Amino acid sequence: MIMALAVPGGGNQSIERCVTEKKKWETDEHGERKMDRQNTSPLSSPATNQLDSQRSANAGQHSTSSAASRKQVRRESSAMREYWLETLCAKTLLTRDEFNSAVDLFRKQDISGDGSLDIAETDILFRRMSNYMSVRRLWAIILEVDEDSNGTVELDEFVTMVSKLRGRLPLSKQFYLRQLPRSLRDRFCKVFAFLDTDKDGLLTREQLITGSKQLSDALKLKANVDPNSAEFQKHLSETFTESESDGQVGLESFLIFQAKIQKVPPDIDVALLSLTPEECNAYSEVFYAHDDDNSGTMDASEIQKVFAKLGKPLSNEEVRDMIKEISMDDAGEISLKEFLYLFVNLGAGTAEPLRVFLTPGATYEEAFSIGYDLEQLFELGYDDVGAMRKAGWGANCVWKAGIADALALRQVGYSASDLRKCGCSAQQLKLVGYSLEELRNAGYSSQVLRECCKNLAIQRATPQDSEPGVSLVPMSANEIAATAEDKMSATCPALRWWDTPRIKALLNESTSLCNGDSPSVAEAKRMAATAPP
């Protein structure tokens, strides 16, 4: 979005004047062409010829004046643009060289010349700058600067992105929350709940520091958890200064703090897009040729040999730092993918394929229409299983992506036949509420269903405490003997707990517990559901 700035000295008035004169010139030019046609007419006379000569002279004067005016417009437009660029450079706090580099990259990528880039083109620009982002992080930075919410990136927005990513301009709280991977966020939430011993939703400074260390050690995160470092103290001070609770922080502040101290790893898969198949094969051959112990990894000595042959010898410390920078598990060795990334990061690779992207705010139907990967969609925050089903994803896709279990799939309308294709057993489907009739229609044989009921008859079902669903507990020998002695056990509904309505009552009880109902309320619901008519 390029702002229209007024230039001192009446620049805007000059532009309006030149536009008016241009319109006049177009009229005069049209009139001149008309008179030329009249000169070729048999009705022309000396008087009309004299008039034509005078008009031609006037037209020549107008032409000279108009050309001068157009030059003036170009000079003033150029001055306006230079003034705008100088203002933007000062606003972003980038050096002149950094600013010019970002502007040149943007203009080269803007092939259409419309002054804007879509998300895929923006990704290409960042890859040229050796900044390999996940889709979630790219979304977060675009939403951070997209002031007009049009889903595209203009020049001023792009240089603002560069400034924020280089630490010149501050990033908002929402950016840190948006760019935090879902899996990591879920783990952080569990740790917060564990540290919150009094369950008031707040942590003290000591609890925050302790939790950060525990997270880094347990999850092997690349985070700065040194309480004595200036960076850690800076983020800690910001967190408690911005906190609404005196001397304590809530879950959101905890998540933002964790996002700030994490070192965001590059998306290696994105980086490797820069390699053509031929380049990938060539560098892979180098890897295998120098993997002396055939372990599938390279240690420091093997990496030193590679760079020595390339004419760039490295010290032991340089190699260790290089491994620490790119290794995901801090094992002191790098895999093939990390080896390839090492060369891409050093400038190798000539390919620039566009990635398939969703624009922020896209619908489930739009994602399905372009064949977007369901796991990536879930990572971006799309977790409505019912909307996935309506958009066209089958139960098998949702199941394989690990987004929902059998109970959640049944609740949004998938059939027993759909779940059977996912590999679910008859017992699994019975325990999430499908009736025997539905299982028969799904294709399970009578023998399989009889075995299922026989197995359920020697177990007891109880609602799970922490999540929806029921769990099975084997009956004791005495309970099985007592049931066998009861002549009504085969037909009495009260003892056939696996009847579908009773399983659904158990599932409802489990949901009540998960939604925060007290055990007494859940017990009341269970009794109401199982009461005889």
Protein backbone atom coordinates (compact mmCIF):
# COMPACT_ATOMS: atom_id res chain seq x y z
CA MET A 1 0.00 0.00 0.00
CA ILE A 2 1.76 3.16 -1.17
CA MET A 3 0.64 6.28 0.62
CA ALA A 4 0.01 9.47 -1.37
CA LEU A 5 2.11 12.16 0.28
CA ALA A 6 1.90 15.86 -0.61
CA VAL A 7 5.16 17.46 -1.70
CA PRO A 8 5.94 21.00 -0.51
CA GLY A 9 5.64 23.57 -3.28
CA GLY A 10 2.21 22.71 -4.66
CA GLY A 11 3.05 19.33 -6.22
CA ASN A 12 -0.56 18.12 -6.13
CA GLN A 13 -1.83 21.33 -7.81
CA SER A 14 0.77 20.92 -10.56
CA ILE A 15 -0.44 17.37 -11.16
CA GLU A 16 -4.08 18.52 -11.43
CA ARG A 17 -3.07 21.35 -13.80
CA CYS A 18 -1.15 18.94 -16.03
CA VAL A 19 -4.05 16.52 -16.13
CA THR A 20 -6.35 19.37 -17.24
CA GLU A 21 -3.88 20.49 -19.91
CA LYS A 22 -3.52 16.89 -21.10
CA LYS A 23 -7.27 16.73 -21.63
CA LYS A 24 -7.16 20.05 -23.54
CA TRP A 25 -4.30 18.74 -25.66
CA GLU A 26 -6.22 15.60 -26.48
CA THR A 27 -9.12 17.79 -27.68
CA ASP A 28 -6.86 20.02 -29.75
CA GLU A 29 -5.14 16.99 -31.24
CA HIS A 30 -8.49 15.55 -32.18
CA GLY A 31 -9.43 18.88 -33.74
CA GLU A 32 -6.18 18.95 -35.70
CA ARG A 33 -6.84 15.51 -37.12
CA LYS A 34 -10.33 16.62 -38.07
CA MET A 35 -8.99 19.66 -39.93
CA ASP A 36 -6.48 17.48 -41.73
CA ARG A 37 -9.37 15.46 -43.08
CA GLN A 38 -11.08 18.70 -44.14
CA ASN A 39 -7.95 19.79 -46.04
CA THR A 40 -8.31 16.79 -48.29
CA SER A 41 -11.94 17.65 -49.03
CA PRO A 42 -12.92 19.15 -52.42
CA LEU A 43 -14.64 21.96 -50.45
CA SER A 44 -11.34 23.39 -49.10
CA SER A 45 -10.61 27.05 -49.86
CA PRO A 46 -7.75 29.55 -49.35
CA ALA A 47 -9.56 30.92 -46.32
CA THR A 48 -9.86 27.56 -44.70
CA ASN A 49 -6.25 26.80 -45.51
CA GLN A 50 -5.15 30.00 -43.77
CA LEU A 51 -7.26 29.03 -40.74
CA ASP A 52 -5.70 25.59 -40.78
CA SER A 53 -2.20 27.06 -40.75
CA GLN A 54 -3.06 29.18 -37.73
CA ARG A 55 -4.53 26.21 -35.85
CA SER A 56 -1.49 24.10 -36.69
CA ALA A 57 0.75 26.76 -35.19
CA ASN A 58 -1.40 26.84 -32.04
CA ALA A 59 -1.27 23.05 -31.87
CA GLY A 60 2.52 23.13 -32.02
CA GLN A 61 2.60 25.56 -29.11
CA HIS A 62 0.23 23.31 -27.16
CA SER A 63 2.46 20.30 -27.92
CA THR A 64 5.54 22.03 -26.55
CA SER A 65 3.67 23.18 -23.44
CA SER A 66 2.19 19.70 -22.83
CA ALA A 67 5.56 17.96 -23.16
CA ALA A 68 7.06 20.33 -20.62
CA SER A 69 4.12 19.72 -18.28
CA ARG A 70 4.51 15.95 -18.53
CA LYS A 71 8.19 16.21 -17.67
CA GLN A 72 7.25 18.35 -14.67
CA VAL A 73 4.76 15.68 -13.53
CA ARG A 74 7.39 12.97 -13.81
CA ARG A 75 9.89 15.03 -11.83
CA GLU A 76 7.35 15.76 -9.09
CA SER A 77 6.16 12.12 -9.01
CA SER A 78 9.75 10.95 -8.69
CA ALA A 79 10.31 13.45 -5.89
CA MET A 80 7.16 12.25 -4.12
CA ARG A 81 8.29 8.63 -4.34
CA GLU A 82 11.77 9.40 -3.07
CA TYR A 83 10.28 11.33 -0.18
CA TRP A 84 7.97 8.41 0.63
CA LEU A 85 10.82 5.89 0.49
CA GLU A 86 12.98 8.04 2.77
CA THR A 87 10.12 8.29 5.25
CA LEU A 88 9.49 4.53 5.11
CA CYS A 89 13.18 3.75 5.61
CA ALA A 90 13.29 5.94 8.70
CA LYS A 91 10.08 4.40 10.02
CA THR A 92 11.34 0.81 9.74
CA LEU A 93 14.71 1.60 11.42
CA LEU A 94 16.54 -0.38 8.72
CA THR A 95 19.91 0.78 7.41
CA ARG A 96 19.87 2.25 3.93
CA ASP A 97 21.57 -0.84 2.48
CA GLU A 98 19.09 -3.21 4.19
CA PHE A 99 16.17 -1.10 3.03
CA ASN A 100 17.39 -0.86 -0.57
CA SER A 101 18.03 -4.62 -0.65
CA ALA A 102 14.49 -5.36 0.53
CA VAL A 103 12.99 -2.91 -1.99
CA ASP A 104 15.01 -4.40 -4.86
CA LEU A 105 13.93 -7.94 -3.93
CA PHE A 106 10.29 -6.87 -3.80
CA ARG A 107 10.41 -5.11 -7.18
CA LYS A 108 12.08 -8.09 -8.86
CA GLN A 109 9.42 -10.47 -7.52
CA ASP A 110 6.55 -8.13 -8.45
CA ILE A 111 6.47 -9.34 -12.04
CA SER A 112 2.95 -8.05 -12.68
CA GLY A 113 3.94 -4.57 -11.51
CA ASP A 114 0.76 -4.11 -9.46
CA GLY A 115 2.72 -3.27 -6.31
CA SER A 116 1.62 -6.33 -4.32
CA LEU A 117 2.59 -9.97 -3.75
CA ASP A 118 0.51 -12.95 -2.74
CA ILE A 119 1.56 -15.30 0.06
CA ALA A 120 3.39 -17.75 -2.27
CA GLU A 121 5.45 -14.94 -3.83
CA THR A 122 6.23 -13.56 -0.37
CA ASP A 123 7.47 -17.01 0.65
CA ILE A 124 9.85 -17.00 -2.36
CA LEU A 125 11.27 -13.65 -1.24
CA PHE A 126 11.99 -14.91 2.26
CA ARG A 127 13.59 -18.06 0.88
CA ARG A 128 15.91 -15.87 -1.21
CA MET A 129 16.87 -14.19 2.07
CA SER A 130 17.62 -17.65 3.59
CA ASN A 131 14.61 -17.33 5.87
CA TYR A 132 12.82 -20.68 5.64
CA MET A 133 9.45 -20.44 7.39
CA SER A 134 6.67 -22.84 8.19
CA VAL A 135 3.24 -21.89 6.86
CA ARG A 136 2.10 -21.03 10.38
CA ARG A 137 4.97 -18.60 10.94
CA LEU A 138 4.49 -17.04 7.50
CA TRP A 139 0.80 -16.54 8.26
CA ALA A 140 1.69 -14.94 11.57
CA ILE A 141 4.07 -12.38 10.05
CA ILE A 142 1.66 -11.53 7.22
CA LEU A 143 -1.21 -10.97 9.66
CA GLU A 144 1.19 -8.86 11.74
CA VAL A 145 1.58 -6.23 8.98
CA ASP A 146 -1.47 -6.66 6.72
CA GLU A 147 -3.21 -3.49 7.85
CA ASP A 148 -5.84 -3.52 5.09
CA SER A 149 -6.53 -7.27 5.57
CA ASN A 150 -6.55 -7.92 1.82
CA GLY A 151 -4.35 -11.02 2.05
CA THR A 152 -1.60 -9.54 -0.12
CA VAL A 153 1.68 -7.85 0.78
CA GLU A 154 2.55 -4.37 -0.50
CA LEU A 155 6.03 -2.82 -0.51
CA ASP A 156 5.66 -0.93 2.76
CA GLU A 157 4.26 -4.05 4.45
CA PHE A 158 7.14 -6.17 3.17
CA VAL A 159 9.89 -3.88 4.47
CA THR A 160 8.01 -3.68 7.78
CA MET A 161 8.10 -7.50 7.91
CA VAL A 162 11.85 -7.48 7.33
CA SER A 163 12.31 -4.89 10.07
CA LYS A 164 10.25 -6.87 12.59
CA LEU A 165 12.01 -10.16 11.82
CA ARG A 166 15.39 -8.46 12.27
CA GLY A 167 14.37 -7.07 15.64
CA ARG A 168 14.25 -3.39 14.63
CA LEU A 169 10.53 -3.04 15.24
CA PRO A 170 8.73 -4.93 18.04
CA LEU A 171 6.46 -7.88 17.34
CA SER A 172 2.99 -7.96 18.85
CA LYS A 173 1.72 -10.46 21.41
CA GLN A 174 -0.62 -11.92 18.82
CA PHE A 175 2.32 -12.72 16.54
CA TYR A 176 3.96 -14.88 19.21
CA LEU A 177 0.69 -16.70 19.89
CA ARG A 178 -0.05 -17.24 16.19
CA GLN A 179 3.38 -18.58 15.28
CA LEU A 180 3.55 -21.06 18.17
CA PRO A 181 3.14 -24.61 16.76
CA ARG A 182 -0.01 -26.36 17.95
CA SER A 183 1.82 -29.38 19.36
CA LEU A 184 4.18 -27.16 21.34
CA ARG A 185 1.33 -24.98 22.55
CA ASP A 186 -0.55 -28.02 23.86
CA ARG A 187 2.52 -29.14 25.81
CA PHE A 188 3.02 -25.67 27.24
CA CYS A 189 -0.60 -25.63 28.40
CA LYS A 190 -0.14 -28.97 30.19
CA VAL A 191 3.01 -27.73 31.92
CA PHE A 192 1.21 -24.56 32.98
CA ALA A 193 -1.60 -26.62 34.51
CA PHE A 194 0.97 -28.77 36.33
CA LEU A 195 2.81 -25.73 37.74
CA ASP A 196 -0.43 -24.04 38.78
CA THR A 197 -0.67 -25.99 42.03
CA ASP A 198 -3.35 -23.82 43.62
CA LYS A 199 -5.42 -23.83 40.38
CA ASP A 200 -5.96 -20.07 40.35
CA GLY A 201 -4.76 -19.72 36.73
CA LEU A 202 -1.66 -17.73 37.72
CA LEU A 203 2.07 -18.41 38.13
CA THR A 204 4.68 -16.57 40.17
CA ARG A 205 8.05 -15.45 38.81
CA GLU A 206 9.77 -18.45 40.41
CA GLN A 207 7.25 -20.88 38.94
CA LEU A 208 7.72 -19.32 35.49
CA ILE A 209 11.50 -19.67 35.61
CA THR A 210 11.32 -23.22 36.97
CA GLY A 211 8.75 -24.27 34.36
CA SER A 212 10.85 -22.82 31.52
CA LYS A 213 13.87 -24.88 32.59
CA GLN A 214 11.80 -28.05 32.94
CA LEU A 215 10.25 -27.56 29.49
CA SER A 216 13.60 -27.00 27.83
CA ASP A 217 15.09 -30.12 29.42
CA ALA A 218 12.09 -32.42 28.93
CA LEU A 219 11.30 -31.42 25.34
CA LYS A 220 14.91 -30.76 24.31
CA LEU A 221 13.97 -27.32 23.11
CA LYS A 222 16.49 -24.81 21.80
CA ALA A 223 15.58 -22.09 24.24
CA ASN A 224 17.45 -19.48 26.24
CA VAL A 225 16.62 -20.50 29.81
CA ASP A 226 19.65 -18.92 31.50
CA PRO A 227 18.12 -16.63 34.15
CA ASN A 228 21.32 -14.55 34.22
CA SER A 229 21.35 -13.74 30.50
CA ALA A 230 20.31 -10.24 29.42
CA GLU A 231 17.87 -11.60 26.82
CA PHE A 232 16.08 -13.83 29.34
CA GLN A 233 15.83 -10.98 31.85
CA LYS A 234 14.50 -8.65 29.15
CA HIS A 235 11.68 -11.04 28.20
CA LEU A 236 10.96 -11.76 31.85
CA SER A 237 10.68 -8.05 32.65
CA GLU A 238 8.38 -7.47 29.65
CA THR A 239 6.15 -10.35 30.71
CA PHE A 240 5.61 -9.11 34.26
CA THR A 241 5.37 -5.44 33.22
CA GLU A 242 2.55 -6.25 30.79
CA SER A 243 0.82 -8.65 33.20
CA GLU A 244 -2.54 -7.52 34.55
CA SER A 245 -2.02 -9.48 37.78
CA ASP A 246 0.38 -8.06 40.32
CA GLY A 247 3.53 -10.21 40.32
CA GLN A 248 1.86 -13.14 38.56
CA VAL A 249 1.16 -14.22 34.97
CA GLY A 250 -1.69 -16.11 33.35
CA LEU A 251 -1.67 -18.76 30.64
CA GLU A 252 -1.50 -16.33 27.70
CA SER A 253 1.47 -14.44 29.16
CA PHE A 254 3.14 -17.80 29.89
CA LEU A 255 2.70 -18.89 26.26
CA ILE A 256 4.02 -15.58 24.92
CA PHE A 257 7.07 -15.78 27.18
CA GLN A 258 7.82 -19.34 26.06
CA ALA A 259 7.46 -18.31 22.41
CA LYS A 260 9.90 -15.42 22.93
CA ILE A 261 12.68 -17.49 24.49
CA GLN A 262 12.45 -20.30 21.93
CA LYS A 263 14.89 -20.33 19.05
CA VAL A 264 12.68 -20.89 16.01
CA PRO A 265 14.29 -23.65 13.89
CA PRO A 266 14.30 -23.31 10.11
CA ASP A 267 11.82 -25.40 8.19
CA ILE A 268 14.31 -27.76 6.53
CA ASP A 269 11.73 -29.18 4.13
CA VAL A 270 11.09 -25.65 2.85
CA ALA A 271 14.81 -25.01 2.43
CA LEU A 272 15.29 -28.20 0.41
CA LEU A 273 12.80 -26.92 -2.17
CA SER A 274 15.72 -24.82 -3.45
CA LEU A 275 17.45 -27.96 -4.76
CA THR A 276 16.63 -29.47 -8.13
CA PRO A 277 16.47 -33.30 -8.23
CA GLU A 278 19.89 -33.35 -9.91
CA GLU A 279 21.40 -31.07 -7.23
CA CYS A 280 19.82 -33.13 -4.46
CA ASN A 281 21.28 -36.34 -5.89
CA ALA A 282 24.74 -34.78 -6.31
CA TYR A 283 24.92 -33.52 -2.70
CA SER A 284 23.50 -36.80 -1.41
CA GLU A 285 26.31 -38.68 -3.13
CA VAL A 286 28.81 -36.40 -1.36
CA PHE A 287 27.13 -37.24 1.95
CA TYR A 288 27.25 -41.01 1.44
CA ALA A 289 30.82 -40.88 0.10
CA HIS A 290 32.03 -39.24 3.34
CA ASP A 291 29.85 -41.22 5.76
CA ASP A 292 32.79 -43.44 6.68
CA ASP A 293 30.99 -45.62 9.23
CA ASN A 294 27.77 -45.94 7.14
CA SER A 295 25.72 -44.73 10.08
CA GLY A 296 23.46 -42.49 8.03
CA THR A 297 24.77 -39.46 9.92
CA MET A 298 27.87 -37.27 9.81
CA ASP A 299 29.94 -36.30 12.81
CA ALA A 300 32.31 -33.32 13.15
CA SER A 301 35.36 -35.08 11.66
CA GLU A 302 33.46 -36.22 8.57
CA ILE A 303 32.08 -32.72 7.99
CA GLN A 304 35.61 -31.29 8.29
CA LYS A 305 36.79 -33.64 5.54
CA VAL A 306 34.02 -32.50 3.21
CA PHE A 307 34.82 -28.82 3.62
CA ALA A 308 38.55 -29.43 3.40
CA LYS A 309 38.03 -31.04 -0.03
CA LEU A 310 35.90 -28.05 -1.03
CA GLY A 311 38.83 -25.77 -0.21
CA LYS A 312 37.32 -24.31 2.93
CA PRO A 313 38.92 -25.90 6.00
CA LEU A 314 37.05 -25.39 9.28
CA SER A 315 38.24 -25.56 12.86
CA ASN A 316 36.74 -27.96 15.39
CA GLU A 317 34.90 -25.09 17.08
CA GLU A 318 33.43 -23.86 13.80
CA VAL A 319 32.17 -27.34 12.96
CA ARG A 320 30.63 -27.78 16.43
CA ASP A 321 28.84 -24.45 16.11
CA MET A 322 27.60 -25.44 12.66
CA ILE A 323 26.21 -28.74 13.94
CA LYS A 324 24.62 -27.05 16.94
CA GLU A 325 22.96 -24.54 14.63
CA ILE A 326 21.29 -27.06 12.34
CA SER A 327 20.99 -30.30 14.33
CA MET A 328 17.50 -30.82 15.65
CA ASP A 329 18.42 -33.28 18.41
CA ASP A 330 21.79 -31.91 19.64
CA ALA A 331 23.35 -35.35 19.17
CA GLY A 332 26.58 -33.91 17.71
CA GLU A 333 25.77 -35.39 14.31
CA ILE A 334 23.67 -34.37 11.31
CA SER A 335 21.37 -36.40 9.08
CA LEU A 336 21.21 -36.30 5.28
CA LYS A 337 18.43 -33.70 5.30
CA GLU A 338 20.41 -31.49 7.67
CA PHE A 339 23.51 -31.93 5.47
CA LEU A 340 21.55 -30.81 2.41
CA TYR A 341 20.15 -27.86 4.37
CA LEU A 342 23.70 -26.88 5.30
CA PHE A 343 24.60 -26.42 1.64
CA VAL A 344 21.35 -24.64 0.80
CA ASN A 345 21.98 -22.22 3.64
CA LEU A 346 25.45 -21.58 2.18
CA GLY A 347 23.88 -20.59 -1.15
CA ALA A 348 23.48 -23.85 -3.07
CA GLY A 349 20.33 -24.55 -5.07
CA THR A 350 18.80 -22.99 -8.16
CA ALA A 351 15.15 -24.08 -7.90
CA GLU A 352 12.37 -21.74 -6.78
CA PRO A 353 9.10 -23.71 -6.92
CA LEU A 354 5.97 -22.10 -5.52
CA ARG A 355 4.42 -23.79 -2.51
CA VAL A 356 0.68 -24.45 -2.32
CA PHE A 357 -0.72 -21.97 0.16
CA LEU A 358 -3.96 -21.05 1.83
CA THR A 359 -4.50 -17.37 2.45
CA PRO A 360 -5.28 -16.48 6.09
CA GLY A 361 -9.00 -16.83 6.71
CA ALA A 362 -9.60 -19.39 3.94
CA THR A 363 -12.57 -21.75 4.37
CA TYR A 364 -12.49 -25.52 4.79
CA GLU A 365 -14.04 -25.85 1.32
CA GLU A 366 -11.24 -23.78 -0.23
CA ALA A 367 -8.63 -25.93 1.50
CA PHE A 368 -10.29 -29.13 0.25
CA SER A 369 -10.60 -27.81 -3.31
CA ILE A 370 -6.83 -27.32 -3.65
CA GLY A 371 -6.02 -30.65 -1.96
CA TYR A 372 -4.41 -29.03 1.06
CA ASP A 373 -2.70 -31.43 3.46
CA LEU A 374 -5.04 -32.15 6.38
CA GLU A 375 -2.28 -32.32 9.00
CA GLN A 376 -0.98 -28.90 7.95
CA LEU A 377 -4.53 -27.57 8.00
CA PHE A 378 -4.95 -28.81 11.56
CA GLU A 379 -1.62 -27.20 12.50
CA LEU A 380 -2.96 -23.87 11.20
CA GLY A 381 -5.83 -24.03 13.66
CA TYR A 382 -8.53 -25.72 11.58
CA ASP A 383 -9.86 -28.30 14.05
CA ASP A 384 -13.60 -28.46 13.37
CA VAL A 385 -14.09 -32.13 12.40
CA GLY A 386 -17.69 -31.50 11.39
CA ALA A 387 -16.59 -28.78 8.96
CA MET A 388 -13.97 -31.15 7.56
CA ARG A 389 -16.68 -33.72 6.86
CA LYS A 390 -18.93 -31.14 5.16
CA ALA A 391 -16.01 -29.90 3.03
CA GLY A 392 -15.47 -33.42 1.66
CA TRP A 393 -12.78 -35.13 3.73
CA GLY A 394 -13.52 -38.78 4.44
CA ALA A 395 -13.23 -40.41 7.85
CA ASN A 396 -10.10 -42.25 6.72
CA CYS A 397 -8.27 -38.96 5.98
CA VAL A 398 -9.20 -37.45 9.34
CA TRP A 399 -8.29 -40.68 11.15
CA LYS A 400 -4.88 -41.00 9.49
CA ALA A 401 -4.08 -37.37 10.26
CA GLY A 402 -4.65 -38.14 13.95
CA ILE A 403 -7.12 -35.29 14.31
CA ALA A 404 -10.03 -37.21 15.82
CA ASP A 405 -10.78 -40.55 17.44
CA ALA A 406 -13.67 -42.89 16.69
CA LEU A 407 -16.00 -41.18 19.19
CA ALA A 408 -15.45 -37.72 17.67
CA LEU A 409 -15.96 -39.12 14.16
CA ARG A 410 -19.27 -40.74 15.16
CA GLN A 411 -20.43 -37.52 16.82
CA VAL A 412 -20.02 -35.48 13.62
CA GLY A 413 -21.94 -37.98 11.49
CA TYR A 414 -19.50 -40.50 10.04
CA SER A 415 -21.07 -43.94 9.71
CA ALA A 416 -19.88 -47.26 11.13
CA SER A 417 -19.01 -48.24 7.56
CA ASP A 418 -16.76 -45.15 7.26
CA LEU A 419 -14.94 -46.08 10.45
CA ARG A 420 -14.61 -49.72 9.49
CA LYS A 421 -12.58 -48.53 6.48
CA CYS A 422 -10.27 -46.81 8.97
CA GLY A 423 -9.48 -50.20 10.48
CA CYS A 424 -11.65 -49.92 13.61
CA SER A 425 -12.76 -53.17 15.20
CA ALA A 426 -16.38 -53.99 16.02
CA GLN A 427 -15.63 -53.60 19.73
CA GLN A 428 -14.13 -50.14 19.19
CA LEU A 429 -17.22 -49.02 17.33
CA LYS A 430 -19.56 -50.59 19.90
CA LEU A 431 -17.82 -48.67 22.67
CA VAL A 432 -18.36 -45.32 20.94
CA GLY A 433 -22.10 -45.87 20.60
CA TYR A 434 -22.82 -47.66 17.33
CA SER A 435 -25.64 -50.20 17.56
CA LEU A 436 -25.34 -53.85 16.53
CA GLU A 437 -27.60 -53.11 13.59
CA GLU A 438 -25.27 -50.36 12.39
CA LEU A 439 -22.33 -52.73 12.75
CA ARG A 440 -24.13 -55.42 10.76
CA ASN A 441 -24.91 -52.87 8.02
CA ALA A 442 -21.24 -51.86 8.04
CA GLY A 443 -20.33 -55.42 7.04
CA TYR A 444 -19.24 -57.08 10.29
CA SER A 445 -20.23 -60.75 10.32
CA SER A 446 -22.54 -62.31 12.89
CA GLN A 447 -19.66 -64.33 14.28
CA VAL A 448 -17.56 -61.18 14.83
CA LEU A 449 -20.46 -59.48 16.60
CA ARG A 450 -21.10 -62.51 18.82
CA GLU A 451 -17.44 -62.58 19.84
CA CYS A 452 -17.60 -58.84 20.51
CA CYS A 453 -20.61 -59.20 22.83
CA LYS A 454 -19.07 -62.24 24.54
CA ASN A 455 -15.91 -60.28 25.26
CA LEU A 456 -17.84 -57.27 26.57
CA ALA A 457 -19.92 -59.50 28.85
CA ILE A 458 -16.90 -60.33 31.03
CA GLN A 459 -15.80 -56.70 31.41
CA ARG A 460 -17.11 -53.58 33.11
CA ALA A 461 -17.17 -50.15 31.47
CA THR A 462 -16.38 -46.91 33.29
CA PRO A 463 -16.21 -43.34 31.99
CA GLN A 464 -12.70 -41.97 31.52
CA ASP A 465 -11.76 -39.17 33.88
CA SER A 466 -9.69 -36.91 31.63
CA GLU A 467 -11.25 -37.25 28.18
CA PRO A 468 -14.47 -38.44 26.53
CA GLY A 469 -15.00 -42.15 26.12
CA VAL A 470 -15.21 -45.27 28.23
CA SER A 471 -12.58 -47.72 29.38
CA LEU A 472 -12.97 -51.44 30.04
CA VAL A 473 -12.06 -53.13 33.30
CA PRO A 474 -11.97 -56.96 33.37
CA MET A 475 -14.41 -58.53 35.82
CA SER A 476 -13.08 -60.62 38.65
CA ALA A 477 -13.65 -64.39 38.72
CA ASN A 478 -16.34 -63.96 41.41
CA GLU A 479 -18.19 -61.36 39.31
CA ILE A 480 -18.12 -63.64 36.26
CA ALA A 481 -19.37 -66.61 38.33
CA ALA A 482 -22.19 -64.54 39.84
CA THR A 483 -23.25 -63.39 36.38
CA ALA A 484 -23.19 -66.98 35.06
CA GLU A 485 -25.40 -68.17 37.91
CA ASP A 486 -28.02 -65.54 37.13
CA LYS A 487 -30.54 -67.24 34.84
CA MET A 488 -31.67 -63.86 33.54
CA SER A 489 -28.18 -62.71 32.57
CA ALA A 490 -28.65 -63.59 28.94
CA THR A 491 -31.86 -61.64 28.49
CA CYS A 492 -32.04 -59.11 31.33
CA PRO A 493 -31.40 -55.60 29.86
CA ALA A 494 -30.00 -54.38 33.17
CA LEU A 495 -27.06 -56.76 32.80
CA ARG A 496 -26.49 -56.07 29.11
CA TRP A 497 -24.55 -52.88 29.77
CA TRP A 498 -23.21 -52.83 26.21
CA ASP A 499 -26.65 -52.10 24.79
CA THR A 500 -26.29 -48.96 22.70
CA PRO A 501 -28.44 -46.60 24.87
CA ARG A 502 -26.48 -47.56 27.96
CA ILE A 503 -23.13 -47.01 26.24
CA LYS A 504 -24.34 -43.61 25.10
CA ALA A 505 -25.33 -42.83 28.68
CA LEU A 506 -21.81 -43.73 29.78
CA LEU A 507 -20.38 -41.53 27.03
CA ASN A 508 -22.58 -38.64 28.12
CA GLU A 509 -21.39 -39.14 31.69
CA SER A 510 -17.77 -39.04 30.49
CA THR A 511 -18.45 -35.84 28.57
CA SER A 512 -20.02 -34.29 31.65
CA LEU A 513 -16.92 -35.01 33.69
CA CYS A 514 -14.70 -33.52 31.00
CA ASN A 515 -16.89 -30.41 30.78
CA GLY A 516 -16.49 -29.76 34.47
CA ASP A 517 -19.61 -31.36 35.98
CA SER A 518 -19.11 -32.63 39.49
CA PRO A 519 -19.15 -36.41 40.07
CA SER A 520 -22.51 -36.09 41.80
CA VAL A 521 -24.06 -34.38 38.77
CA ALA A 522 -22.58 -37.00 36.45
CA GLU A 523 -23.88 -39.77 38.70
CA ALA A 524 -27.35 -38.23 38.64
CA LYS A 525 -27.29 -38.17 34.85
CA ARG A 526 -26.14 -41.79 34.76
CA MET A 527 -28.91 -42.90 37.11
CA ALA A 528 -31.52 -41.05 35.06
CA ALA A 529 -30.27 -42.67 31.87
CA THR A 530 -30.25 -46.19 33.27
CA ALA A 531 -33.46 -45.99 35.31
CA PRO A 532 -36.06 -48.62 34.31
CA PRO A 533 -39.13 -47.31 32.46
